[in-house]
Amino acid sequence: MKIAVPKETLKTENRVAASPDVVKKWTKLGLTVCIESGAGEASGFSDKSYTEAGAQIAKTPKDVYDQAHIIVKVQKPQEGKAGELDLMPMGATIVAHFNHSFTEGYLQALSLRKLNVFALERVPRITRAQTMDVLSSQSNLAGYRSVIVGVNALTKALPMMMTAAGTIMPAKVLIVGAGVAGLQAIATAKRLGAVVSAFDVRPAAKEQVESLGAKFIEVAEDASAETAGGYAKEMSEEYKKKQAERLKEALSKSDLVITTALIPGRPAPKIITQEMVEGMPINSVIVDMAAEKGGNCELTKAGGDVNHKGVRIMGPLNLASELAGNASALYAKNMSSFLDLMVSDQDGKAHLNPEVDDEIIRASCVMLSGKVTENERSS
């Protein structure tokens, strides 16, 4: 059975779906692993490190996809002229992070290849699935990176400094959204010496925020703030009004703001208005981690850098990819744990069963043999 690991084609993507350590594990199970040449270079994994782990190296995309049973990727397969979908074998199983982007046209393109499609972002938030949780592993690194990006853009230091020439007061950092990325951003900013505050629509986040030494900005509780899966959901208009008042006050005192608020499968909620930005200190910085989904700030430009009346608004894309070595190693382990559910040893040979009766597999399955699943229809 062949597992194909192609080189990612998006310009902003430096990660790879399999590390040499994971490849070694797969080859010991009797799987044939084929890596496209150069696929791991941006992550620090040479072709030689893969061959030493037992992989074969394919010189072209066509060669890596040829007769593959399982295809593992970071980003979804791309369409269009010379796109990846056209290279995929009929009936293959594809596992990737699709970022909830299943349009009708894209589903049809997948269906034409009779593919089995599994979206890792749909892995449920249950204890047994923690080792497969790509959202957490990648968001953790992105949260760290967002602070580093923001600090580099600031014109002041983060920690308090006492010198003979005078005292420099610590910078004030505000984190909007206390999920995995937000909590790591809080921890990173605290370690760098900043005074940190955080806001989240989920009252349950207060304890987590305060345990990291940050101040939690409270708004009157909204009982519908959290889904059964633990994610934030769309808030009532009354709550949004109260939220805006508290945030406006906090923003007016903040030097660096990191926004992380996302709602799965929907555009990012607009939390910071132009008016709020105009009330911020000169030379303050906003790093909008939700830029790819439209941004949490009204002025954010995805992939761009905007200066509005002295406030810098940064809209970085794919922050985890900027730490490709660590991100790829974690992603590969998530991928390996996921495939453990579908690949078994039968009479000394690896056997793939994409229809295995497992709640994690069911939740992440978008398509089987080219047919859209009920899970996707109801999403």
Protein backbone atom coordinates (compact mmCIF):
# COMPACT_ATOMS: atom_id res chain seq x y z
CA MET A 1 0.00 0.00 0.00
CA LYS A 2 1.41 3.35 -1.07
CA ILE A 3 1.24 6.61 0.90
CA ALA A 4 2.02 9.71 -1.18
CA VAL A 5 3.46 12.85 0.42
CA PRO A 6 3.47 15.61 -2.21
CA LYS A 7 5.17 18.98 -1.96
CA GLU A 8 2.70 21.70 -1.00
CA THR A 9 1.92 24.02 -3.92
CA LEU A 10 0.68 27.17 -2.15
CA LYS A 11 3.37 29.87 -2.01
CA THR A 12 2.63 30.62 1.66
CA GLU A 13 2.94 26.96 2.73
CA ASN A 14 6.29 25.70 4.02
CA ARG A 15 5.02 22.68 5.95
CA VAL A 16 4.97 19.05 4.90
CA ALA A 17 2.47 16.39 5.97
CA ALA A 18 4.99 13.73 7.05
CA SER A 19 8.28 13.91 8.94
CA PRO A 20 11.10 11.34 8.69
CA ASP A 21 10.13 9.99 12.14
CA VAL A 22 6.58 9.27 11.00
CA VAL A 23 7.81 7.84 7.69
CA LYS A 24 9.98 5.38 9.62
CA LYS A 25 6.92 4.25 11.59
CA TRP A 26 4.87 3.77 8.42
CA THR A 27 7.56 1.78 6.61
CA LYS A 28 7.88 -0.54 9.61
CA LEU A 29 4.17 -1.27 9.21
CA GLY A 30 4.86 -2.43 5.67
CA LEU A 31 3.62 0.71 3.93
CA THR A 32 5.41 2.11 0.90
CA VAL A 33 5.97 5.82 1.45
CA CYS A 34 6.72 8.06 -1.52
CA ILE A 35 7.91 11.64 -0.92
CA GLU A 36 8.06 14.25 -3.66
CA SER A 37 11.61 15.57 -3.94
CA GLY A 38 12.06 18.76 -1.92
CA ALA A 39 8.75 18.37 -0.07
CA GLY A 40 10.40 18.68 3.33
CA GLU A 41 13.20 21.15 2.59
CA ALA A 42 11.40 24.23 3.94
CA SER A 43 10.78 22.29 7.17
CA GLY A 44 14.41 21.21 7.48
CA PHE A 45 13.83 17.64 6.25
CA SER A 46 16.16 16.66 3.40
CA ASP A 47 15.42 14.00 0.80
CA LYS A 48 18.27 12.01 2.35
CA SER A 49 16.59 12.03 5.78
CA TYR A 50 13.48 10.55 4.18
CA THR A 51 15.35 7.83 2.29
CA GLU A 52 17.17 6.90 5.50
CA ALA A 53 13.73 6.50 7.09
CA GLY A 54 12.77 4.08 4.32
CA ALA A 55 10.91 6.35 1.89
CA GLN A 56 11.15 6.49 -1.87
CA ILE A 57 11.76 9.88 -3.52
CA ALA A 58 9.66 10.90 -6.52
CA LYS A 59 11.11 13.50 -8.88
CA THR A 60 7.80 14.87 -10.16
CA PRO A 61 4.27 15.43 -8.79
CA LYS A 62 2.97 12.88 -11.29
CA ASP A 63 5.35 10.24 -9.95
CA VAL A 64 4.42 10.83 -6.31
CA TYR A 65 0.68 10.50 -6.98
CA ASP A 66 0.99 7.51 -9.34
CA GLN A 67 -0.89 4.48 -7.93
CA ALA A 68 -1.13 6.04 -4.45
CA HIS A 69 -3.72 4.55 -2.10
CA ILE A 70 -3.42 7.26 0.57
CA ILE A 71 -2.45 10.90 -0.03
CA VAL A 72 -1.51 13.05 2.96
CA LYS A 73 -1.30 16.82 2.67
CA VAL A 74 -1.28 19.98 4.75
CA GLN A 75 -3.41 22.17 2.48
CA LYS A 76 -6.33 20.92 0.40
CA PRO A 77 -5.54 19.71 -3.14
CA GLN A 78 -5.62 22.61 -5.58
CA GLU A 79 -7.88 22.78 -8.63
CA GLY A 80 -7.43 24.45 -12.00
CA LYS A 81 -4.85 24.17 -14.73
CA ALA A 82 -2.18 21.62 -13.83
CA GLY A 83 -3.91 21.29 -10.44
CA GLU A 84 -3.27 18.48 -7.99
CA LEU A 85 -6.76 16.99 -8.28
CA ASP A 86 -6.11 15.93 -11.87
CA LEU A 87 -3.12 13.88 -10.72
CA MET A 88 -4.94 11.90 -8.05
CA PRO A 89 -5.65 8.23 -8.71
CA MET A 90 -9.30 7.23 -8.91
CA GLY A 91 -10.60 5.96 -5.57
CA ALA A 92 -7.66 7.20 -3.49
CA THR A 93 -8.01 8.35 0.11
CA ILE A 94 -7.00 11.96 0.80
CA VAL A 95 -6.37 13.29 4.32
CA ALA A 96 -5.64 17.01 4.74
CA HIS A 97 -6.66 20.25 6.41
CA PHE A 98 -9.37 21.65 4.14
CA ASN A 99 -10.09 24.70 6.30
CA HIS A 100 -13.86 24.15 6.04
CA SER A 101 -13.72 25.21 2.38
CA PHE A 102 -16.01 22.77 0.58
CA THR A 103 -17.87 24.63 -2.14
CA GLU A 104 -20.33 22.79 -4.36
CA GLY A 105 -17.91 23.01 -7.28
CA TYR A 106 -15.00 21.69 -5.26
CA LEU A 107 -17.03 18.77 -3.94
CA GLN A 108 -18.01 17.93 -7.50
CA ALA A 109 -14.35 17.94 -8.56
CA LEU A 110 -13.49 15.56 -5.71
CA SER A 111 -16.45 13.36 -6.59
CA LEU A 112 -15.28 12.92 -10.18
CA ARG A 113 -12.16 11.18 -8.86
CA LYS A 114 -14.27 8.85 -6.63
CA LEU A 115 -12.14 9.91 -3.66
CA ASN A 116 -12.44 9.16 0.04
CA VAL A 117 -11.98 12.57 1.69
CA PHE A 118 -11.13 13.25 5.34
CA ALA A 119 -10.82 16.77 6.77
CA LEU A 120 -8.59 16.94 9.84
CA GLU A 121 -10.15 20.21 11.03
CA ARG A 122 -13.32 18.20 11.71
CA VAL A 123 -11.73 15.85 14.22
CA PRO A 124 -13.97 16.16 17.31
CA ARG A 125 -12.69 17.75 20.51
CA ILE A 126 -12.72 14.62 22.64
CA THR A 127 -10.00 13.17 24.85
CA ARG A 128 -9.28 10.22 22.56
CA ALA A 129 -8.73 12.54 19.59
CA GLN A 130 -6.23 14.91 21.22
CA THR A 131 -3.27 13.34 19.43
CA MET A 132 -5.00 14.03 16.09
CA ASP A 133 -6.01 17.63 16.81
CA VAL A 134 -4.26 19.65 14.09
CA LEU A 135 -6.16 22.80 15.01
CA SER A 136 -4.61 22.80 18.48
CA SER A 137 -1.08 21.80 17.46
CA GLN A 138 -0.88 24.42 14.71
CA SER A 139 -2.76 27.17 16.56
CA ASN A 140 -0.41 26.83 19.50
CA LEU A 141 2.58 27.67 17.31
CA ALA A 142 0.66 30.40 15.48
CA GLY A 143 -0.21 32.05 18.79
CA TYR A 144 3.44 32.16 19.77
CA ARG A 145 4.47 33.46 16.37
CA SER A 146 1.84 36.23 16.40
CA VAL A 147 3.44 37.79 19.47
CA ILE A 148 6.92 37.64 17.94
CA VAL A 149 5.60 39.30 14.76
CA GLY A 150 3.85 41.98 16.80
CA VAL A 151 6.86 42.68 19.02
CA ASN A 152 9.07 43.14 15.95
CA ALA A 153 6.62 45.74 14.66
CA LEU A 154 6.46 47.72 17.91
CA THR A 155 8.61 50.78 18.53
CA LYS A 156 8.93 50.00 22.24
CA ALA A 157 10.19 47.20 24.48
CA LEU A 158 7.81 44.77 26.19
CA PRO A 159 9.33 44.39 29.68
CA MET A 160 9.86 47.00 32.36
CA MET A 161 13.45 48.23 32.35
CA MET A 162 15.04 50.23 35.15
CA THR A 163 18.17 52.14 34.19
CA ALA A 164 20.20 55.08 35.49
CA ALA A 165 18.59 57.16 32.75
CA GLY A 166 15.09 56.31 33.90
CA THR A 167 12.46 53.59 33.97
CA ILE A 168 10.75 52.12 30.91
CA MET A 169 7.25 50.96 31.76
CA PRO A 170 6.11 47.56 30.41
CA ALA A 171 4.07 47.41 27.22
CA LYS A 172 0.38 46.57 27.47
CA VAL A 173 -0.79 43.64 25.37
CA LEU A 174 -4.42 42.71 24.70
CA ILE A 175 -5.37 39.25 23.43
CA VAL A 176 -8.82 38.91 21.85
CA GLY A 177 -9.94 35.27 21.93
CA ALA A 178 -8.60 32.83 24.53
CA GLY A 179 -8.60 29.60 22.59
CA VAL A 180 -5.41 27.61 21.96
CA ALA A 181 -3.76 30.39 19.94
CA GLY A 182 -4.85 33.10 22.36
CA LEU A 183 -3.63 31.25 25.44
CA GLN A 184 -0.22 30.67 23.87
CA ALA A 185 -0.08 34.35 22.89
CA ILE A 186 -0.83 35.28 26.51
CA ALA A 187 1.90 32.97 27.82
CA THR A 188 4.44 34.27 25.30
CA ALA A 189 3.70 37.94 25.96
CA LYS A 190 3.91 37.34 29.73
CA ARG A 191 7.28 35.61 29.38
CA LEU A 192 8.53 38.64 27.45
CA GLY A 193 7.53 40.90 30.32
CA ALA A 194 4.35 42.58 29.07
CA VAL A 195 1.27 43.45 31.10
CA VAL A 196 -1.36 41.24 29.48
CA SER A 197 -5.15 41.42 29.34
CA ALA A 198 -7.45 39.06 27.47
CA PHE A 199 -11.03 38.89 26.30
CA ASP A 200 -13.19 35.94 25.28
CA VAL A 201 -16.94 35.50 24.84
CA ARG A 202 -16.79 32.24 26.81
CA PRO A 203 -16.96 32.86 30.57
CA ALA A 204 -15.21 29.51 31.07
CA ALA A 205 -12.05 31.04 29.59
CA LYS A 206 -11.59 33.33 32.61
CA GLU A 207 -9.90 30.71 34.77
CA GLN A 208 -7.50 29.74 31.97
CA VAL A 209 -6.57 33.36 31.27
CA GLU A 210 -5.98 34.18 34.93
CA SER A 211 -3.95 31.01 35.47
CA LEU A 212 -1.42 32.43 32.99
CA GLY A 213 -1.17 35.69 34.91
CA ALA A 214 -3.29 37.83 32.61
CA LYS A 215 -6.28 40.00 33.46
CA PHE A 216 -9.62 38.78 32.08
CA ILE A 217 -11.88 41.48 30.63
CA GLU A 218 -15.41 40.50 31.58
CA VAL A 219 -18.66 41.27 29.80
CA ALA A 220 -22.07 40.32 31.21
CA GLU A 221 -22.46 36.59 30.59
CA ASP A 222 -24.23 35.25 27.51
CA ALA A 223 -25.47 31.70 28.08
CA SER A 224 -25.10 30.82 24.39
CA ALA A 225 -21.43 31.76 24.12
CA GLU A 226 -20.12 28.24 23.56
CA THR A 227 -21.06 25.28 21.36
CA ALA A 228 -21.29 21.72 22.66
CA GLY A 229 -17.87 21.13 21.09
CA GLY A 230 -16.24 23.92 23.08
CA TYR A 231 -15.95 26.45 20.27
CA ALA A 232 -17.15 30.05 20.41
CA LYS A 233 -20.36 30.82 18.52
CA GLU A 234 -22.13 33.88 17.13
CA MET A 235 -23.27 36.27 19.88
CA SER A 236 -26.47 38.27 20.42
CA GLU A 237 -26.64 41.93 19.36
CA GLU A 238 -27.05 43.05 22.97
CA TYR A 239 -23.90 41.20 23.96
CA LYS A 240 -21.96 42.66 21.02
CA LYS A 241 -22.89 46.18 22.16
CA LYS A 242 -21.60 45.54 25.71
CA GLN A 243 -18.52 43.86 24.27
CA ALA A 244 -17.75 46.87 22.08
CA GLU A 245 -17.86 49.24 25.06
CA ARG A 246 -15.42 47.16 27.10
CA LEU A 247 -13.09 46.56 24.18
CA LYS A 248 -12.99 50.21 23.18
CA GLU A 249 -11.77 51.08 26.65
CA ALA A 250 -9.15 48.30 26.68
CA LEU A 251 -7.90 49.12 23.18
CA SER A 252 -7.34 52.76 24.08
CA LYS A 253 -4.67 51.61 26.55
CA SER A 254 -3.05 48.80 24.50
CA ASP A 255 0.29 48.89 22.70
CA LEU A 256 -0.06 45.48 21.03
CA VAL A 257 -3.29 43.65 20.20
CA ILE A 258 -3.49 40.03 19.02
CA THR A 259 -6.88 38.92 17.67
CA THR A 260 -7.61 35.20 17.35
CA ALA A 261 -11.43 34.95 17.25
CA LEU A 262 -12.78 32.40 14.76
CA ILE A 263 -16.07 30.54 14.29
CA PRO A 264 -15.61 27.18 12.50
CA GLY A 265 -16.95 27.22 8.94
CA ARG A 266 -17.94 30.91 9.05
CA PRO A 267 -16.29 34.29 8.39
CA ALA A 268 -14.35 35.74 11.31
CA PRO A 269 -16.46 38.00 13.55
CA LYS A 270 -15.76 41.73 13.21
CA ILE A 271 -14.80 42.81 16.71
CA ILE A 272 -12.55 45.85 16.28
CA THR A 273 -14.11 48.76 14.40
CA GLN A 274 -12.41 51.65 12.64
CA GLU A 275 -13.58 53.93 15.45
CA MET A 276 -11.88 51.69 18.02
CA VAL A 277 -8.64 51.71 16.02
CA GLU A 278 -8.70 55.50 15.88
CA GLY A 279 -8.85 55.57 19.68
CA MET A 280 -5.68 53.50 20.07
CA PRO A 281 -2.24 54.97 20.94
CA ILE A 282 0.02 56.16 18.12
CA ASN A 283 2.46 53.42 16.98
CA SER A 284 0.35 50.65 18.51
CA VAL A 285 0.08 47.39 16.55
CA ILE A 286 -2.73 44.94 15.78
CA VAL A 287 -1.84 41.42 14.60
CA ASP A 288 -5.03 39.90 13.18
CA MET A 289 -4.67 36.12 13.22
CA ALA A 290 -8.14 35.78 11.67
CA ALA A 291 -7.10 37.68 8.52
CA GLU A 292 -7.52 34.66 6.23
CA LYS A 293 -11.20 34.42 7.24
CA GLY A 294 -11.89 38.13 6.81
CA GLY A 295 -10.26 39.42 9.98
CA ASN A 296 -11.46 40.50 13.41
CA CYS A 297 -10.65 44.13 12.59
CA GLU A 298 -12.62 46.09 10.00
CA LEU A 299 -9.40 47.50 8.53
CA THR A 300 -7.48 44.23 8.19
CA LYS A 301 -6.15 43.31 4.75
CA ALA A 302 -5.46 39.59 4.39
CA GLY A 303 -1.75 39.13 3.79
CA GLY A 304 -1.24 42.89 4.01
CA ASP A 305 -0.01 45.62 6.31
CA VAL A 306 -2.18 48.70 6.86
CA ASN A 307 -1.30 51.91 8.67
CA HIS A 308 -4.39 53.79 9.80
CA LYS A 309 -3.76 57.09 11.57
CA GLY A 310 -0.62 55.81 13.23
CA VAL A 311 -1.92 52.34 14.11
CA ARG A 312 -0.39 49.40 12.24
CA ILE A 313 -2.79 46.57 11.36
CA MET A 314 -1.09 43.37 10.21
CA GLY A 315 -2.97 40.54 8.51
CA PRO A 316 -0.50 37.63 8.38
CA LEU A 317 -1.46 34.42 6.63
CA ASN A 318 -0.44 30.97 7.83
CA LEU A 319 1.66 31.90 10.86
CA ALA A 320 2.27 28.25 11.74
CA SER A 321 4.02 27.83 8.38
CA GLU A 322 6.61 30.39 9.50
CA LEU A 323 7.70 27.80 12.09
CA ALA A 324 7.66 25.01 9.53
CA GLY A 325 10.05 22.64 11.29
CA ASN A 326 8.08 22.45 14.52
CA ALA A 327 4.72 22.73 12.79
CA SER A 328 5.45 19.90 10.35
CA ALA A 329 6.71 17.60 13.11
CA LEU A 330 3.51 18.10 15.11
CA TYR A 331 1.23 17.90 12.07
CA ALA A 332 2.88 14.65 10.99
CA LYS A 333 2.22 13.10 14.41
CA ASN A 334 -1.41 14.23 14.22
CA MET A 335 -1.64 12.64 10.77
CA SER A 336 -0.03 9.41 11.93
CA SER A 337 -2.43 9.08 14.88
CA PHE A 338 -5.38 9.65 12.55
CA LEU A 339 -4.25 7.03 10.04
CA ASP A 340 -3.80 4.53 12.88
CA LEU A 341 -7.61 4.37 13.00
CA MET A 342 -7.92 3.35 9.35
CA VAL A 343 -4.80 1.33 8.64
CA SER A 344 -4.38 -2.07 10.27
CA ASP A 345 -2.04 -5.05 9.98
CA GLN A 346 -3.76 -8.09 8.48
CA ASP A 347 -1.67 -11.20 7.90
CA GLY A 348 1.51 -9.12 7.84
CA LYS A 349 0.16 -6.62 5.31
CA ALA A 350 -1.18 -3.11 5.80
CA HIS A 351 -4.92 -2.84 5.13
CA LEU A 352 -6.87 0.39 4.63
CA ASN A 353 -10.49 0.66 5.79
CA PRO A 354 -11.84 4.22 5.27
CA GLU A 355 -15.29 3.06 6.41
CA VAL A 356 -14.18 1.87 9.85
CA ASP A 357 -16.88 2.38 12.49
CA ASP A 358 -15.29 5.08 14.63
CA GLU A 359 -16.73 8.41 15.80
CA ILE A 360 -13.56 10.31 14.86
CA ILE A 361 -13.55 8.88 11.35
CA ARG A 362 -17.26 9.57 10.93
CA ALA A 363 -16.92 13.18 12.09
CA SER A 364 -14.03 13.95 9.75
CA CYS A 365 -15.33 12.08 6.69
CA VAL A 366 -16.57 14.37 3.92
CA MET A 367 -16.80 11.88 1.06
CA LEU A 368 -16.65 8.12 0.49
CA SER A 369 -16.04 6.74 -3.00
CA GLY A 370 -17.03 10.09 -4.46
CA LYS A 371 -20.30 10.34 -2.54
CA VAL A 372 -20.81 13.21 -0.10
CA THR A 373 -21.53 11.93 3.41
CA GLU A 374 -24.45 12.92 5.61
CA ASN A 375 -21.92 14.58 7.91
CA GLU A 376 -21.00 17.05 5.14
CA ARG A 377 -24.60 17.63 4.06
CA SER A 378 -25.60 18.65 7.57
CA SER A 379 -22.63 21.01 8.11
